[in-house]
Amino acid sequence: MAVLSACAVLTACGGGGDNSDGSKASTYSSCTITQSDALLAEDRSKDISQCWDGVDYEEQNLALNWCAEKVSAYIDSEYVFGHSVEYQVASTNCS
């Protein structure tokens, strides 16, 4: 079973401007695994390289729910036994 932990990063609030990557600064656009407790170093590295672009969520809770689903599906598809990961949503797209 995997333990998921979340946080949100909104690099700019209000205004409705754009980030340098074209994403909206006032919305949550991506989901990234930021920390992994996988036993093997190569698995930890693979985990923290995961990033998914989303649908410019304006509400943090919707973005975090979407991100939790993405991360959970990834862990379930890649591992027989899950492990703890932390993830975040951000206003920028995946790089």
PDB file of N, CA and C in Angstrom:
ATOM      1  N   MET A   1       0.841  -1.173   0.000  1.00  0.00           N
ATOM      2  CA  MET A   1       0.000   0.000   0.000  1.00  0.00           C
ATOM      3  C   MET A   1       0.885   1.235   0.000  1.00  0.00           C
ATOM      4  N   ALA A   2       0.539   2.187  -0.815  1.00  0.00           N
ATOM      5  CA  ALA A   2       1.320   3.414  -0.923  1.00  0.00           C
ATOM      6  C   ALA A   2       0.745   4.479  -0.004  1.00  0.00           C
ATOM      7  N   VAL A   3       1.607   5.275   0.579  1.00  0.00           N
ATOM      8  CA  VAL A   3       1.194   6.413   1.374  1.00  0.00           C
ATOM      9  C   VAL A   3       1.525   7.652   0.566  1.00  0.00           C
ATOM     10  N   LEU A   4       0.506   8.468   0.314  1.00  0.00           N
ATOM     11  CA  LEU A   4       0.695   9.657  -0.500  1.00  0.00           C
ATOM     12  C   LEU A   4       0.623  10.892   0.374  1.00  0.00           C
ATOM     13  N   SER A   5       1.481  11.848   0.117  1.00  0.00           N
ATOM     14  CA  SER A   5       1.494  13.108   0.839  1.00  0.00           C
ATOM     15  C   SER A   5       1.560  14.227  -0.184  1.00  0.00           C
ATOM     16  N   ALA A   6       0.769  15.287   0.026  1.00  0.00           N
ATOM     17  CA  ALA A   6       0.646  16.318  -1.007  1.00  0.00           C
ATOM     18  C   ALA A   6       0.968  17.710  -0.501  1.00  0.00           C
ATOM     19  N   CYS A   7       1.350  18.569  -1.449  1.00  0.00           N
ATOM     20  CA  CYS A   7       1.445  19.996  -1.202  1.00  0.00           C
ATOM     21  C   CYS A   7       1.156  20.716  -2.510  1.00  0.00           C
ATOM     22  N   ALA A   8       0.912  22.001  -2.418  1.00  0.00           N
ATOM     23  CA  ALA A   8       0.583  22.780  -3.610  1.00  0.00           C
ATOM     24  C   ALA A   8       1.533  23.959  -3.733  1.00  0.00           C
ATOM     25  N   VAL A   9       1.887  24.278  -4.952  1.00  0.00           N
ATOM     26  CA  VAL A   9       2.757  25.413  -5.224  1.00  0.00           C
ATOM     27  C   VAL A   9       2.099  26.249  -6.310  1.00  0.00           C
ATOM     28  N   LEU A  10       1.677  27.440  -5.944  1.00  0.00           N
ATOM     29  CA  LEU A  10       1.116  28.370  -6.915  1.00  0.00           C
ATOM     30  C   LEU A  10       2.087  29.528  -6.975  1.00  0.00           C
ATOM     31  N   THR A  11       2.792  29.650  -8.086  1.00  0.00           N
ATOM     32  CA  THR A  11       3.899  30.601  -8.147  1.00  0.00           C
ATOM     33  C   THR A  11       3.446  32.046  -8.211  1.00  0.00           C
ATOM     34  N   ALA A  12       2.236  32.278  -8.613  1.00  0.00           N
ATOM     35  CA  ALA A  12       1.716  33.642  -8.630  1.00  0.00           C
ATOM     36  C   ALA A  12       0.219  33.572  -8.418  1.00  0.00           C
ATOM     37  N   CYS A  13      -0.312  34.484  -7.642  1.00  0.00           N
ATOM     38  CA  CYS A  13      -1.745  34.478  -7.362  1.00  0.00           C
ATOM     39  C   CYS A  13      -2.399  35.696  -8.001  1.00  0.00           C
ATOM     40  N   GLY A  14      -3.705  35.555  -8.281  1.00  0.00           N
ATOM     41  CA  GLY A  14      -4.442  36.671  -8.859  1.00  0.00           C
ATOM     42  C   GLY A  14      -4.054  36.913 -10.292  1.00  0.00           C
ATOM     43  N   GLY A  15      -4.202  38.098 -10.750  1.00  0.00           N
ATOM     44  CA  GLY A  15      -3.737  38.578 -12.038  1.00  0.00           C
ATOM     45  C   GLY A  15      -4.092  37.815 -13.279  1.00  0.00           C
ATOM     46  N   GLY A  16      -4.059  36.515 -13.252  1.00  0.00           N
ATOM     47  CA  GLY A  16      -4.367  35.719 -14.422  1.00  0.00           C
ATOM     48  C   GLY A  16      -3.302  35.765 -15.498  1.00  0.00           C
ATOM     49  N   GLY A  17      -2.081  36.192 -15.165  1.00  0.00           N
ATOM     50  CA  GLY A  17      -1.013  36.252 -16.148  1.00  0.00           C
ATOM     51  C   GLY A  17      -0.516  34.874 -16.517  1.00  0.00           C
ATOM     52  N   ASP A  18       0.453  34.850 -17.401  1.00  0.00           N
ATOM     53  CA  ASP A  18       1.017  33.584 -17.850  1.00  0.00           C
ATOM     54  C   ASP A  18       2.425  33.398 -17.309  1.00  0.00           C
ATOM     55  N   ASN A  19       2.793  32.144 -17.090  1.00  0.00           N
ATOM     56  CA  ASN A  19       4.171  31.798 -16.751  1.00  0.00           C
ATOM     57  C   ASN A  19       4.992  31.786 -18.035  1.00  0.00           C
ATOM     58  N   SER A  20       6.302  31.714 -17.905  1.00  0.00           N
ATOM     59  CA  SER A  20       7.173  31.720 -19.082  1.00  0.00           C
ATOM     60  C   SER A  20       6.954  30.501 -19.973  1.00  0.00           C
ATOM     61  N   ASP A  21       6.383  29.418 -19.421  1.00  0.00           N
ATOM     62  CA  ASP A  21       6.119  28.226 -20.237  1.00  0.00           C
ATOM     63  C   ASP A  21       4.743  28.257 -20.897  1.00  0.00           C
ATOM     64  N   GLY A  22       4.020  29.365 -20.728  1.00  0.00           N
ATOM     65  CA  GLY A  22       2.710  29.509 -21.346  1.00  0.00           C
ATOM     66  C   GLY A  22       1.551  29.095 -20.466  1.00  0.00           C
ATOM     67  N   SER A  23       1.831  28.472 -19.328  1.00  0.00           N
ATOM     68  CA  SER A  23       0.759  28.078 -18.418  1.00  0.00           C
ATOM     69  C   SER A  23       0.258  29.299 -17.650  1.00  0.00           C
ATOM     70  N   LYS A  24      -0.964  29.199 -17.153  1.00  0.00           N
ATOM     71  CA  LYS A  24      -1.554  30.310 -16.409  1.00  0.00           C
ATOM     72  C   LYS A  24      -0.989  30.337 -14.994  1.00  0.00           C
ATOM     73  N   ALA A  25      -0.546  31.514 -14.571  1.00  0.00           N
ATOM     74  CA  ALA A  25       0.070  31.649 -13.257  1.00  0.00           C
ATOM     75  C   ALA A  25      -0.932  31.490 -12.122  1.00  0.00           C
ATOM     76  N   SER A  26      -2.217  31.654 -12.395  1.00  0.00           N
ATOM     77  CA  SER A  26      -3.230  31.593 -11.342  1.00  0.00           C
ATOM     78  C   SER A  26      -3.918  30.237 -11.254  1.00  0.00           C
ATOM     79  N   THR A  27      -3.411  29.238 -11.965  1.00  0.00           N
ATOM     80  CA  THR A  27      -4.012  27.903 -11.922  1.00  0.00           C
ATOM     81  C   THR A  27      -2.943  26.848 -11.644  1.00  0.00           C
ATOM     82  N   TYR A  28      -3.402  25.666 -11.293  1.00  0.00           N
ATOM     83  CA  TYR A  28      -2.507  24.528 -11.072  1.00  0.00           C
ATOM     84  C   TYR A  28      -2.462  23.711 -12.350  1.00  0.00           C
ATOM     85  N   SER A  29      -1.276  23.552 -12.924  1.00  0.00           N
ATOM     86  CA  SER A  29      -1.133  22.948 -14.250  1.00  0.00           C
ATOM     87  C   SER A  29      -0.403  21.617 -14.277  1.00  0.00           C
ATOM     88  N   SER A  30       0.307  21.262 -13.219  1.00  0.00           N
ATOM     89  CA  SER A  30       1.078  20.016 -13.268  1.00  0.00           C
ATOM     90  C   SER A  30       1.119  19.321 -11.918  1.00  0.00           C
ATOM     91  N   CYS A  31       1.485  18.056 -11.979  1.00  0.00           N
ATOM     92  CA  CYS A  31       1.598  17.186 -10.806  1.00  0.00           C
ATOM     93  C   CYS A  31       2.955  16.495 -10.876  1.00  0.00           C
ATOM     94  N   THR A  32       3.719  16.561  -9.801  1.00  0.00           N
ATOM     95  CA  THR A  32       5.060  15.988  -9.780  1.00  0.00           C
ATOM     96  C   THR A  32       5.291  15.213  -8.491  1.00  0.00           C
ATOM     97  N   ILE A  33       5.922  14.051  -8.588  1.00  0.00           N
ATOM     98  CA  ILE A  33       6.381  13.341  -7.395  1.00  0.00           C
ATOM     99  C   ILE A  33       7.673  14.019  -6.952  1.00  0.00           C
ATOM    100  N   THR A  34       7.713  14.457  -5.699  1.00  0.00           N
ATOM    101  CA  THR A  34       8.863  15.211  -5.200  1.00  0.00           C
ATOM    102  C   THR A  34       9.765  14.409  -4.271  1.00  0.00           C
ATOM    103  N   GLN A  35       9.243  13.304  -3.723  1.00  0.00           N
ATOM    104  CA  GLN A  35      10.040  12.495  -2.797  1.00  0.00           C
ATOM    105  C   GLN A  35       9.504  11.075  -2.829  1.00  0.00           C
ATOM    106  N   SER A  36      10.397  10.110  -2.734  1.00  0.00           N
ATOM    107  CA  SER A  36      10.018   8.701  -2.791  1.00  0.00           C
ATOM    108  C   SER A  36      10.771   7.906  -1.736  1.00  0.00           C
ATOM    109  N   ASP A  37      10.063   6.983  -1.099  1.00  0.00           N
ATOM    110  CA  ASP A  37      10.680   6.087  -0.127  1.00  0.00           C
ATOM    111  C   ASP A  37      10.891   4.684  -0.699  1.00  0.00           C
ATOM    112  N   ALA A  38      10.999   4.584  -2.019  1.00  0.00           N
ATOM    113  CA  ALA A  38      11.257   3.282  -2.645  1.00  0.00           C
ATOM    114  C   ALA A  38      12.579   2.720  -2.121  1.00  0.00           C
ATOM    115  N   LEU A  39      12.650   1.403  -2.009  1.00  0.00           N
ATOM    116  CA  LEU A  39      13.856   0.767  -1.474  1.00  0.00           C
ATOM    117  C   LEU A  39      15.069   0.948  -2.373  1.00  0.00           C
ATOM    118  N   LEU A  40      14.894   0.823  -3.676  1.00  0.00           N
ATOM    119  CA  LEU A  40      16.014   0.910  -4.612  1.00  0.00           C
ATOM    120  C   LEU A  40      16.216   2.338  -5.111  1.00  0.00           C
ATOM    121  N   ALA A  41      17.470   2.752  -5.213  1.00  0.00           N
ATOM    122  CA  ALA A  41      17.792   4.101  -5.683  1.00  0.00           C
ATOM    123  C   ALA A  41      17.245   4.347  -7.084  1.00  0.00           C
ATOM    124  N   GLU A  42      17.313   3.340  -7.956  1.00  0.00           N
ATOM    125  CA  GLU A  42      16.812   3.527  -9.322  1.00  0.00           C
ATOM    126  C   GLU A  42      15.300   3.738  -9.332  1.00  0.00           C
ATOM    127  N   ASP A  43      14.582   3.107  -8.409  1.00  0.00           N
ATOM    128  CA  ASP A  43      13.138   3.323  -8.313  1.00  0.00           C
ATOM    129  C   ASP A  43      12.830   4.717  -7.773  1.00  0.00           C
ATOM    130  N   ARG A  44      13.599   5.166  -6.788  1.00  0.00           N
ATOM    131  CA  ARG A  44      13.404   6.528  -6.269  1.00  0.00           C
ATOM    132  C   ARG A  44      13.642   7.543  -7.371  1.00  0.00           C
ATOM    133  N   SER A  45      14.691   7.336  -8.152  1.00  0.00           N
ATOM    134  CA  SER A  45      15.005   8.239  -9.258  1.00  0.00           C
ATOM    135  C   SER A  45      13.892   8.244 -10.300  1.00  0.00           C
ATOM    136  N   LYS A  46      13.389   7.058 -10.616  1.00  0.00           N
ATOM    137  CA  LYS A  46      12.294   6.953 -11.586  1.00  0.00           C
ATOM    138  C   LYS A  46      11.051   7.671 -11.063  1.00  0.00           C
ATOM    139  N   ASP A  47      10.761   7.497  -9.783  1.00  0.00           N
ATOM    140  CA  ASP A  47       9.578   8.131  -9.195  1.00  0.00           C
ATOM    141  C   ASP A  47       9.650   9.650  -9.286  1.00  0.00           C
ATOM    142  N   ILE A  48      10.776  10.214  -8.857  1.00  0.00           N
ATOM    143  CA  ILE A  48      10.839  11.679  -8.820  1.00  0.00           C
ATOM    144  C   ILE A  48      10.990  12.304 -10.204  1.00  0.00           C
ATOM    145  N   SER A  49      11.148  11.492 -11.225  1.00  0.00           N
ATOM    146  CA  SER A  49      11.169  12.030 -12.592  1.00  0.00           C
ATOM    147  C   SER A  49       9.764  12.098 -13.196  1.00  0.00           C
ATOM    148  N   GLN A  50       8.775  11.602 -12.463  1.00  0.00           N
ATOM    149  CA  GLN A  50       7.409  11.581 -12.991  1.00  0.00           C
ATOM    150  C   GLN A  50       6.757  12.954 -12.883  1.00  0.00           C
ATOM    151  N   CYS A  51       6.096  13.360 -13.955  1.00  0.00           N
ATOM    152  CA  CYS A  51       5.368  14.626 -13.975  1.00  0.00           C
ATOM    153  C   CYS A  51       4.232  14.505 -14.977  1.00  0.00           C
ATOM    154  N   TRP A  52       3.088  15.038 -14.618  1.00  0.00           N
ATOM    155  CA  TRP A  52       1.922  15.012 -15.496  1.00  0.00           C
ATOM    156  C   TRP A  52       1.375  16.423 -15.638  1.00  0.00           C
ATOM    157  N   ASP A  53       1.105  16.832 -16.875  1.00  0.00           N
ATOM    158  CA  ASP A  53       0.445  18.115 -17.119  1.00  0.00           C
ATOM    159  C   ASP A  53      -1.050  17.921 -16.987  1.00  0.00           C
ATOM    160  N   GLY A  54      -1.710  18.923 -16.449  1.00  0.00           N
ATOM    161  CA  GLY A  54      -3.144  18.826 -16.181  1.00  0.00           C
ATOM    162  C   GLY A  54      -3.979  19.814 -16.946  1.00  0.00           C
ATOM    163  N   VAL A  55      -5.092  20.115 -16.366  1.00  0.00           N
ATOM    164  CA  VAL A  55      -6.093  20.951 -17.015  1.00  0.00           C
ATOM    165  C   VAL A  55      -6.255  22.246 -16.231  1.00  0.00           C
ATOM    166  N   ASP A  56      -5.253  23.022 -16.037  1.00  0.00           N
ATOM    167  CA  ASP A  56      -5.338  24.347 -15.408  1.00  0.00           C
ATOM    168  C   ASP A  56      -6.444  24.463 -14.360  1.00  0.00           C
ATOM    169  N   TYR A  57      -6.313  23.699 -13.290  1.00  0.00           N
ATOM    170  CA  TYR A  57      -7.298  23.749 -12.207  1.00  0.00           C
ATOM    171  C   TYR A  57      -7.186  25.060 -11.448  1.00  0.00           C
ATOM    172  N   GLU A  58      -8.310  25.717 -11.225  1.00  0.00           N
ATOM    173  CA  GLU A  58      -8.312  26.948 -10.439  1.00  0.00           C
ATOM    174  C   GLU A  58      -8.408  26.649  -8.950  1.00  0.00           C
ATOM    175  N   GLU A  59      -9.018  25.531  -8.593  1.00  0.00           N
ATOM    176  CA  GLU A  59      -9.188  25.175  -7.193  1.00  0.00           C
ATOM    177  C   GLU A  59      -8.122  24.162  -6.775  1.00  0.00           C
ATOM    178  N   GLN A  60      -7.436  24.486  -5.692  1.00  0.00           N
ATOM    179  CA  GLN A  60      -6.347  23.641  -5.208  1.00  0.00           C
ATOM    180  C   GLN A  60      -6.826  22.228  -4.900  1.00  0.00           C
ATOM    181  N   ASN A  61      -7.981  22.085  -4.250  1.00  0.00           N
ATOM    182  CA  ASN A  61      -8.435  20.744  -3.877  1.00  0.00           C
ATOM    183  C   ASN A  61      -8.705  19.878  -5.100  1.00  0.00           C
ATOM    184  N   LEU A  62      -9.213  20.452  -6.180  1.00  0.00           N
ATOM    185  CA  LEU A  62      -9.435  19.686  -7.407  1.00  0.00           C
ATOM    186  C   LEU A  62      -8.109  19.247  -8.016  1.00  0.00           C
ATOM    187  N   ALA A  63      -7.138  20.152  -8.001  1.00  0.00           N
ATOM    188  CA  ALA A  63      -5.814  19.822  -8.538  1.00  0.00           C
ATOM    189  C   ALA A  63      -5.151  18.719  -7.715  1.00  0.00           C
ATOM    190  N   LEU A  64      -5.248  18.808  -6.403  1.00  0.00           N
ATOM    191  CA  LEU A  64      -4.639  17.788  -5.548  1.00  0.00           C
ATOM    192  C   LEU A  64      -5.333  16.441  -5.702  1.00  0.00           C
ATOM    193  N   ASN A  65      -6.648  16.444  -5.862  1.00  0.00           N
ATOM    194  CA  ASN A  65      -7.374  15.186  -6.096  1.00  0.00           C
ATOM    195  C   ASN A  65      -6.940  14.548  -7.409  1.00  0.00           C
ATOM    196  N   TRP A  66      -6.830  15.364  -8.462  1.00  0.00           N
ATOM    197  CA  TRP A  66      -6.385  14.871  -9.769  1.00  0.00           C
ATOM    198  C   TRP A  66      -4.967  14.306  -9.658  1.00  0.00           C
ATOM    199  N   CYS A  67      -4.109  15.021  -8.955  1.00  0.00           N
ATOM    200  CA  CYS A  67      -2.717  14.598  -8.796  1.00  0.00           C
ATOM    201  C   CYS A  67      -2.638  13.296  -8.003  1.00  0.00           C
ATOM    202  N   ALA A  68      -3.408  13.183  -6.944  1.00  0.00           N
ATOM    203  CA  ALA A  68      -3.414  11.958  -6.142  1.00  0.00           C
ATOM    204  C   ALA A  68      -3.817  10.762  -6.992  1.00  0.00           C
ATOM    205  N   GLU A  69      -4.789  10.946  -7.872  1.00  0.00           N
ATOM    206  CA  GLU A  69      -5.212   9.864  -8.765  1.00  0.00           C
ATOM    207  C   GLU A  69      -4.090   9.470  -9.723  1.00  0.00           C
ATOM    208  N   LYS A  70      -3.397  10.460 -10.289  1.00  0.00           N
ATOM    209  CA  LYS A  70      -2.282  10.189 -11.205  1.00  0.00           C
ATOM    210  C   LYS A  70      -1.163   9.423 -10.498  1.00  0.00           C
ATOM    211  N   VAL A  71      -0.791   9.899  -9.316  1.00  0.00           N
ATOM    212  CA  VAL A  71       0.304   9.275  -8.569  1.00  0.00           C
ATOM    213  C   VAL A  71      -0.078   7.861  -8.145  1.00  0.00           C
ATOM    214  N   SER A  72      -1.282   7.696  -7.646  1.00  0.00           N
ATOM    215  CA  SER A  72      -1.738   6.377  -7.217  1.00  0.00           C
ATOM    216  C   SER A  72      -1.759   5.392  -8.384  1.00  0.00           C
ATOM    217  N   ALA A  73      -2.259   5.828  -9.528  1.00  0.00           N
ATOM    218  CA  ALA A  73      -2.290   4.964 -10.714  1.00  0.00           C
ATOM    219  C   ALA A  73      -0.874   4.595 -11.152  1.00  0.00           C
ATOM    220  N   TYR A  74       0.042   5.545 -11.090  1.00  0.00           N
ATOM    221  CA  TYR A  74       1.440   5.281 -11.449  1.00  0.00           C
ATOM    222  C   TYR A  74       2.047   4.235 -10.511  1.00  0.00           C
ATOM    223  N   ILE A  75       1.909   4.434  -9.202  1.00  0.00           N
ATOM    224  CA  ILE A  75       2.477   3.496  -8.227  1.00  0.00           C
ATOM    225  C   ILE A  75       1.878   2.106  -8.430  1.00  0.00           C
ATOM    226  N   ASP A  76       0.560   2.046  -8.614  1.00  0.00           N
ATOM    227  CA  ASP A  76      -0.109   0.755  -8.811  1.00  0.00           C
ATOM    228  C   ASP A  76       0.367   0.042 -10.073  1.00  0.00           C
ATOM    229  N   SER A  77       0.660   0.811 -11.119  1.00  0.00           N
ATOM    230  CA  SER A  77       1.066   0.190 -12.384  1.00  0.00           C
ATOM    231  C   SER A  77       2.540  -0.207 -12.416  1.00  0.00           C
ATOM    232  N   GLU A  78       3.361   0.423 -11.593  1.00  0.00           N
ATOM    233  CA  GLU A  78       4.804   0.188 -11.631  1.00  0.00           C
ATOM    234  C   GLU A  78       5.317  -0.776 -10.571  1.00  0.00           C
ATOM    235  N   TYR A  79       4.589  -0.936  -9.483  1.00  0.00           N
ATOM    236  CA  TYR A  79       5.119  -1.693  -8.347  1.00  0.00           C
ATOM    237  C   TYR A  79       4.117  -2.722  -7.836  1.00  0.00           C
ATOM    238  N   VAL A  80       4.627  -3.884  -7.453  1.00  0.00           N
ATOM    239  CA  VAL A  80       3.792  -4.905  -6.823  1.00  0.00           C
ATOM    240  C   VAL A  80       3.463  -4.463  -5.401  1.00  0.00           C
ATOM    241  N   PHE A  81       4.477  -3.957  -4.700  1.00  0.00           N
ATOM    242  CA  PHE A  81       4.293  -3.436  -3.350  1.00  0.00           C
ATOM    243  C   PHE A  81       4.539  -1.935  -3.390  1.00  0.00           C
ATOM    244  N   GLY A  82       3.569  -1.160  -2.938  1.00  0.00           N
ATOM    245  CA  GLY A  82       3.693   0.295  -2.962  1.00  0.00           C
ATOM    246  C   GLY A  82       4.653   0.801  -1.899  1.00  0.00           C
ATOM    247  N   HIS A  83       4.897   2.072  -1.931  1.00  0.00           N
ATOM    248  CA  HIS A  83       5.750   2.737  -0.959  1.00  0.00           C
ATOM    249  C   HIS A  83       5.296   4.186  -0.846  1.00  0.00           C
ATOM    250  N   SER A  84       5.812   4.881   0.140  1.00  0.00           N
ATOM    251  CA  SER A  84       5.410   6.266   0.370  1.00  0.00           C
ATOM    252  C   SER A  84       6.045   7.201  -0.650  1.00  0.00           C
ATOM    253  N   VAL A  85       5.254   8.145  -1.112  1.00  0.00           N
ATOM    254  CA  VAL A  85       5.749   9.206  -1.980  1.00  0.00           C
ATOM    255  C   VAL A  85       5.101  10.513  -1.559  1.00  0.00           C
ATOM    256  N   GLU A  86       5.766  11.600  -1.880  1.00  0.00           N
ATOM    257  CA  GLU A  86       5.195  12.930  -1.717  1.00  0.00           C
ATOM    258  C   GLU A  86       5.082  13.534  -3.095  1.00  0.00           C
ATOM    259  N   TYR A  87       4.068  14.356  -3.289  1.00  0.00           N
ATOM    260  CA  TYR A  87       3.851  14.972  -4.590  1.00  0.00           C
ATOM    261  C   TYR A  87       3.344  16.388  -4.405  1.00  0.00           C
ATOM    262  N   GLN A  88       3.401  17.158  -5.478  1.00  0.00           N
ATOM    263  CA  GLN A  88       2.891  18.520  -5.426  1.00  0.00           C
ATOM    264  C   GLN A  88       2.254  18.888  -6.747  1.00  0.00           C
ATOM    265  N   VAL A  89       1.371  19.877  -6.678  1.00  0.00           N
ATOM    266  CA  VAL A  89       0.834  20.484  -7.884  1.00  0.00           C
ATOM    267  C   VAL A  89       1.448  21.871  -7.988  1.00  0.00           C
ATOM    268  N   ALA A  90       1.632  22.339  -9.211  1.00  0.00           N
ATOM    269  CA  ALA A  90       2.272  23.633  -9.427  1.00  0.00           C
ATOM    270  C   ALA A  90       1.590  24.375 -10.563  1.00  0.00           C
ATOM    271  N   SER A  91       1.843  25.661 -10.641  1.00  0.00           N
ATOM    272  CA  SER A  91       1.220  26.484 -11.678  1.00  0.00           C
ATOM    273  C   SER A  91       1.940  26.387 -13.013  1.00  0.00           C
ATOM    274  N   THR A  92       3.097  25.767 -13.042  1.00  0.00           N
ATOM    275  CA  THR A  92       3.847  25.629 -14.292  1.00  0.00           C
ATOM    276  C   THR A  92       3.653  24.242 -14.886  1.00  0.00           C
ATOM    277  N   ASN A  93       3.893  24.118 -16.180  1.00  0.00           N
ATOM    278  CA  ASN A  93       3.822  22.817 -16.837  1.00  0.00           C
ATOM    279  C   ASN A  93       5.068  22.002 -16.515  1.00  0.00           C
ATOM    280  N   CYS A  94       5.000  20.703 -16.778  1.00  0.00           N
ATOM    281  CA  CYS A  94       6.175  19.843 -16.627  1.00  0.00           C
ATOM    282  C   CYS A  94       7.265  20.322 -17.583  1.00  0.00           C
ATOM    283  N   SER A  95       8.515  20.194 -17.143  1.00  0.00           N
ATOM    284  CA  SER A  95       9.607  20.630 -18.026  1.00  0.00           C
ATOM    285  C   SER A  95      10.224  19.476 -18.756  1.00  0.00           C
TER     286      SER A  95
END
